[in-house]
Amino acid sequence: MTTYAIGDVQGCSMQLKQLVDSINFDPAADRLWFVGDLVNRGSDSLEVLRYIKRLGSAAQIVLGNHDLFLLAVAADIVTLRPKDTIQDVLAAEDRAELMDWLRRQPLHYRERSFFMVHAGLLPQWTIDEAVNLAREVEAVLSSPNYRIVLKALFRGLSPRWDPALGGDERLASITRVLTRLRTCTPAGDLSGFSGPPEQAPAGYLPWFRIPNRKNADATVICGHWAALGLHIESNLLAIDSGCVWGKELTAVRLEDREIFQVAGVRRARP
């Protein structure tokens, strides 16, 4: 069995198919891991969701911020913005089936020495703690009460993570870290910065640059940060290489870290 981790697809169905063809993917023998943000900004989010759903156990997914946004729009919690391109999903005849499938996907995945999450981990979280925190949110998101998480995330406050947090604030804080983190302070304050890491605000560092972070014992696989680009370290595979912004869609073969890429096409609106 061969495993490939794939960066943020964001509705770029053509590029995903080209990438899958280039690695000679065999769903009977291989697996594809997706770091989240399957949808939005690209032109064919519906086909991306349908394709990955059809893969069944050959695909492993973690949810990203755009995937959660789609769920929130479908649940009438937020409204579409001019730059969103998920109308095809919302109008699809299988919308309800797709949304039910999507919200049952996890926020994390752990296997062997790998830990996959969409955005990153706070420096004070161990891997075991991150697993348990993610499961708190996943239990609610996959339940009939899933709107609680989405309302807290998109309508609630944005509290700094604190183990003493409870209720909706706790769920929202955990989810923001796992799906939106790029830079933070050593104390765990998040910024909304999305530019190149060398331009990060004073006092903030890329989350994986925080000294003595407690989760450095695993190889974290993540996406979310297109301005960072493909960034490989001994314990980090950051693989959002900006496909939807006209750069590349990336796959990394986990067994030997060989990189496969196809050219992206700018699909986003200004």
Protein backbone atom coordinates (compact mmCIF):
# COMPACT_ATOMS: atom_id res chain seq x y z
CA MET A 1 0.00 0.00 0.00
CA THR A 2 1.25 3.45 -0.96
CA THR A 3 -0.01 6.63 0.68
CA TYR A 4 -0.04 10.09 -0.88
CA ALA A 5 -0.84 13.27 1.05
CA ILE A 6 -2.47 15.92 -1.16
CA GLY A 7 -2.60 19.66 -0.52
CA ASP A 8 -5.57 22.02 -0.61
CA VAL A 9 -7.67 21.15 -3.68
CA GLN A 10 -10.21 23.99 -3.28
CA GLY A 11 -12.52 22.91 -6.05
CA CYS A 12 -9.81 22.34 -8.68
CA SER A 13 -11.20 19.10 -10.05
CA MET A 14 -9.18 19.07 -13.27
CA GLN A 15 -5.90 19.50 -11.42
CA LEU A 16 -6.82 16.81 -8.90
CA LYS A 17 -7.54 14.33 -11.69
CA GLN A 18 -4.27 15.21 -13.41
CA LEU A 19 -2.36 14.69 -10.18
CA VAL A 20 -4.04 11.37 -9.43
CA ASP A 21 -3.26 10.18 -12.95
CA SER A 22 0.37 11.27 -12.64
CA ILE A 23 0.95 9.07 -9.60
CA ASN A 24 -0.83 6.08 -11.16
CA PHE A 25 -3.15 5.93 -8.19
CA ASP A 26 -4.80 2.55 -7.68
CA PRO A 27 -7.77 2.83 -5.27
CA ALA A 28 -7.59 -0.90 -4.62
CA ALA A 29 -4.02 -0.66 -3.34
CA ASP A 30 -3.20 2.98 -2.55
CA ARG A 31 -4.58 5.70 -0.30
CA LEU A 32 -5.00 9.45 -0.69
CA TRP A 33 -4.84 11.72 2.35
CA PHE A 34 -6.41 15.17 1.92
CA VAL A 35 -5.38 18.02 4.22
CA GLY A 36 -8.74 19.80 3.93
CA ASP A 37 -10.19 22.72 2.00
CA LEU A 38 -11.61 20.41 -0.61
CA VAL A 39 -13.92 23.18 -1.81
CA ASN A 40 -14.25 26.88 -2.66
CA ARG A 41 -12.34 29.34 -4.82
CA GLY A 42 -11.97 26.79 -7.63
CA SER A 43 -14.58 26.15 -10.31
CA ASP A 44 -15.75 22.60 -9.54
CA SER A 45 -16.21 21.95 -5.84
CA LEU A 46 -19.11 19.60 -6.51
CA GLU A 47 -17.08 17.19 -8.62
CA VAL A 48 -14.22 17.24 -6.09
CA LEU A 49 -16.58 16.23 -3.28
CA ARG A 50 -18.27 13.55 -5.35
CA TYR A 51 -14.95 12.09 -6.50
CA ILE A 52 -13.43 11.91 -3.02
CA LYS A 53 -16.63 10.52 -1.52
CA ARG A 54 -16.67 7.76 -4.16
CA LEU A 55 -13.15 6.73 -3.12
CA GLY A 56 -14.52 5.42 0.15
CA SER A 57 -11.82 3.91 2.36
CA ALA A 58 -9.13 4.77 -0.19
CA ALA A 59 -9.43 8.41 0.89
CA GLN A 60 -8.69 9.95 4.29
CA ILE A 61 -9.85 13.52 4.87
CA VAL A 62 -9.51 16.19 7.51
CA LEU A 63 -11.80 19.20 7.38
CA GLY A 64 -10.53 22.67 6.56
CA ASN A 65 -11.98 26.12 7.12
CA HIS A 66 -13.56 26.26 3.65
CA ASP A 67 -15.24 22.88 4.19
CA LEU A 68 -16.71 24.13 7.47
CA PHE A 69 -17.83 27.32 5.74
CA LEU A 70 -19.71 25.24 3.17
CA LEU A 71 -21.44 23.35 5.98
CA ALA A 72 -22.35 26.64 7.65
CA VAL A 73 -23.83 28.06 4.43
CA ALA A 74 -25.80 24.87 3.84
CA ALA A 75 -27.15 25.14 7.41
CA ASP A 76 -28.21 28.80 6.87
CA ILE A 77 -25.75 30.03 9.50
CA VAL A 78 -23.76 32.27 7.16
CA THR A 79 -24.34 33.62 3.67
CA LEU A 80 -22.26 33.41 0.54
CA ARG A 81 -19.72 36.13 -0.23
CA PRO A 82 -18.93 37.36 -3.75
CA LYS A 83 -15.66 35.41 -3.85
CA ASP A 84 -17.22 32.05 -2.91
CA THR A 85 -17.62 29.39 -5.59
CA ILE A 86 -19.62 26.66 -3.87
CA GLN A 87 -22.96 27.38 -5.54
CA ASP A 88 -22.70 24.13 -7.51
CA VAL A 89 -22.67 22.12 -4.30
CA LEU A 90 -25.56 24.04 -2.79
CA ALA A 91 -27.69 23.49 -5.89
CA ALA A 92 -26.83 19.81 -6.32
CA GLU A 93 -29.50 17.15 -6.07
CA ASP A 94 -27.26 15.17 -3.74
CA ARG A 95 -26.50 18.20 -1.54
CA ALA A 96 -28.00 16.69 1.62
CA GLU A 97 -26.09 13.44 1.17
CA LEU A 98 -22.82 15.29 0.57
CA MET A 99 -23.30 17.58 3.58
CA ASP A 100 -24.10 14.63 5.82
CA TRP A 101 -20.95 12.86 4.63
CA LEU A 102 -18.78 15.97 4.94
CA ARG A 103 -19.70 16.83 8.52
CA ARG A 104 -18.83 13.29 9.60
CA GLN A 105 -15.23 13.70 8.46
CA PRO A 106 -12.64 14.32 11.20
CA LEU A 107 -10.56 17.37 12.04
CA HIS A 108 -7.49 15.19 12.60
CA TYR A 109 -5.99 11.92 11.52
CA ARG A 110 -3.18 10.03 13.23
CA GLU A 111 -1.36 7.04 11.78
CA ARG A 112 2.13 5.75 12.49
CA SER A 113 4.34 8.79 13.09
CA PHE A 114 2.09 11.08 11.04
CA PHE A 115 -0.48 13.54 12.34
CA MET A 116 -2.65 15.27 9.73
CA VAL A 117 -4.56 18.46 10.41
CA HIS A 118 -5.64 21.28 8.14
CA ALA A 119 -3.80 24.24 9.68
CA GLY A 120 -1.54 23.47 12.65
CA LEU A 121 -1.19 22.86 16.37
CA LEU A 122 -0.66 25.16 19.32
CA PRO A 123 2.83 24.81 20.79
CA GLN A 124 1.48 23.81 24.21
CA TRP A 125 -0.56 20.89 22.84
CA THR A 126 0.94 17.42 22.81
CA ILE A 127 -0.21 15.12 20.03
CA ASP A 128 -2.33 13.14 22.49
CA GLU A 129 -3.98 16.34 23.71
CA ALA A 130 -4.63 17.46 20.14
CA VAL A 131 -6.30 14.13 19.38
CA ASN A 132 -8.59 14.41 22.40
CA LEU A 133 -9.48 18.04 21.69
CA ALA A 134 -10.25 17.33 18.05
CA ARG A 135 -12.49 14.44 19.09
CA GLU A 136 -14.53 16.78 21.30
CA VAL A 137 -15.47 18.84 18.25
CA GLU A 138 -15.88 15.85 15.94
CA ALA A 139 -18.38 14.24 18.32
CA VAL A 140 -20.65 17.27 18.12
CA LEU A 141 -20.11 17.97 14.42
CA SER A 142 -21.10 14.42 13.47
CA SER A 143 -24.19 14.50 15.71
CA PRO A 144 -27.68 15.92 15.09
CA ASN A 145 -26.51 18.96 17.11
CA TYR A 146 -23.76 19.84 14.59
CA ARG A 147 -25.06 23.40 14.17
CA ILE A 148 -23.74 24.17 17.66
CA VAL A 149 -20.16 23.98 16.39
CA LEU A 150 -20.87 25.98 13.24
CA LYS A 151 -22.74 28.75 15.06
CA ALA A 152 -19.99 29.03 17.66
CA LEU A 153 -17.32 29.16 14.96
CA PHE A 154 -18.96 31.65 12.61
CA ARG A 155 -21.15 33.73 14.93
CA GLY A 156 -19.48 33.47 18.31
CA LEU A 157 -16.52 35.07 19.98
CA SER A 158 -12.89 34.22 19.22
CA PRO A 159 -11.40 33.37 22.60
CA ARG A 160 -7.77 32.51 23.05
CA TRP A 161 -7.36 28.84 23.85
CA ASP A 162 -7.54 28.06 27.54
CA PRO A 163 -8.03 24.56 28.98
CA ALA A 164 -10.64 26.05 31.30
CA LEU A 165 -12.89 27.06 28.40
CA GLY A 166 -16.20 25.24 28.22
CA GLY A 167 -19.26 24.96 26.04
CA ASP A 168 -19.48 26.72 22.70
CA GLU A 169 -16.37 28.82 23.29
CA ARG A 170 -14.28 25.71 23.83
CA LEU A 171 -15.55 24.09 20.64
CA ALA A 172 -14.92 27.24 18.62
CA SER A 173 -11.45 27.78 20.04
CA ILE A 174 -10.34 24.22 19.30
CA THR A 175 -11.74 24.38 15.78
CA ARG A 176 -10.09 27.72 15.00
CA VAL A 177 -6.70 26.35 15.96
CA LEU A 178 -7.04 23.18 13.91
CA THR A 179 -8.44 24.89 10.79
CA ARG A 180 -7.09 28.47 10.80
CA LEU A 181 -3.74 28.63 12.59
CA ARG A 182 -0.73 29.97 10.71
CA THR A 183 1.18 32.15 13.15
CA CYS A 184 0.92 32.49 16.90
CA THR A 185 2.81 33.66 19.95
CA PRO A 186 4.59 31.24 22.28
CA ALA A 187 1.61 31.69 24.63
CA GLY A 188 -0.80 30.52 21.93
CA ASP A 189 -2.38 33.76 20.68
CA LEU A 190 -3.44 33.39 17.05
CA SER A 191 -3.16 36.08 14.40
CA GLY A 192 -5.23 36.43 11.27
CA PHE A 193 -2.08 36.86 9.19
CA SER A 194 -2.00 34.93 5.90
CA GLY A 195 1.01 36.38 4.06
CA PRO A 196 4.58 35.10 3.70
CA PRO A 197 6.09 33.93 6.99
CA GLU A 198 8.89 36.50 6.90
CA GLN A 199 6.24 39.24 7.05
CA ALA A 200 4.49 37.89 10.15
CA PRO A 201 3.45 40.52 12.75
CA ALA A 202 5.91 41.32 15.51
CA GLY A 203 5.75 38.75 18.30
CA TYR A 204 4.18 36.09 16.07
CA LEU A 205 5.95 33.14 14.51
CA PRO A 206 4.88 30.31 12.21
CA TRP A 207 3.32 27.81 14.59
CA PHE A 208 5.99 25.22 13.75
CA ARG A 209 8.76 27.70 14.62
CA ILE A 210 7.72 28.18 18.24
CA PRO A 211 10.61 26.96 20.43
CA ASN A 212 10.05 23.77 22.42
CA ARG A 213 6.62 23.04 20.99
CA LYS A 214 5.21 19.91 22.59
CA ASN A 215 4.05 18.23 19.37
CA ALA A 216 7.40 18.06 17.57
CA ASP A 217 7.59 14.30 18.12
CA ALA A 218 5.22 13.64 15.20
CA THR A 219 5.45 14.52 11.54
CA VAL A 220 2.61 16.98 11.05
CA ILE A 221 0.97 17.05 7.63
CA CYS A 222 -0.95 20.26 6.98
CA GLY A 223 -2.09 22.78 4.39
CA HIS A 224 -3.96 26.09 4.72
CA TRP A 225 -1.02 28.45 4.14
CA ALA A 226 -0.63 29.09 0.42
CA ALA A 227 1.79 31.97 0.99
CA LEU A 228 4.11 29.57 2.83
CA GLY A 229 4.00 27.21 -0.12
CA LEU A 230 5.41 23.71 -0.17
CA HIS A 231 7.54 23.50 2.96
CA ILE A 232 9.21 20.27 4.03
CA GLU A 233 11.12 19.66 7.27
CA SER A 234 12.01 16.52 9.16
CA ASN A 235 8.80 16.69 11.18
CA LEU A 236 6.63 18.85 8.91
CA LEU A 237 4.96 18.40 5.52
CA ALA A 238 3.21 21.69 4.74
CA ILE A 239 1.71 21.05 1.31
CA ASP A 240 -0.63 23.89 0.36
CA SER A 241 1.28 25.00 -2.73
CA GLY A 242 -1.40 27.38 -3.98
CA CYS A 243 -3.11 25.41 -6.76
CA VAL A 244 -6.10 27.72 -6.85
CA TRP A 245 -3.81 30.75 -7.05
CA GLY A 246 -2.14 29.56 -10.23
CA LYS A 247 0.76 27.69 -8.62
CA GLU A 248 0.74 23.91 -8.08
CA LEU A 249 -1.25 21.08 -6.59
CA THR A 250 1.08 18.84 -4.61
CA ALA A 251 1.13 15.22 -3.51
CA VAL A 252 3.81 13.76 -1.24
CA ARG A 253 4.36 10.02 -1.15
CA LEU A 254 4.74 9.35 2.55
CA GLU A 255 6.88 6.25 2.24
CA ASP A 256 9.83 8.14 0.70
CA ARG A 257 8.69 11.80 0.61
CA GLU A 258 8.88 12.00 -3.17
CA ILE A 259 6.98 15.05 -4.41
CA PHE A 260 4.54 15.08 -7.32
CA GLN A 261 3.02 18.28 -8.70
CA VAL A 262 0.76 19.52 -11.46
CA ALA A 263 0.29 23.12 -12.54
CA GLY A 264 -2.59 24.99 -10.98
CA VAL A 265 -4.97 27.42 -12.62
CA ARG A 266 -6.10 30.66 -11.05
CA ARG A 267 -9.80 30.19 -10.41
CA ALA A 268 -10.31 32.69 -7.61
CA ARG A 269 -11.97 36.04 -7.94
CA PRO A 270 -10.12 39.12 -6.69
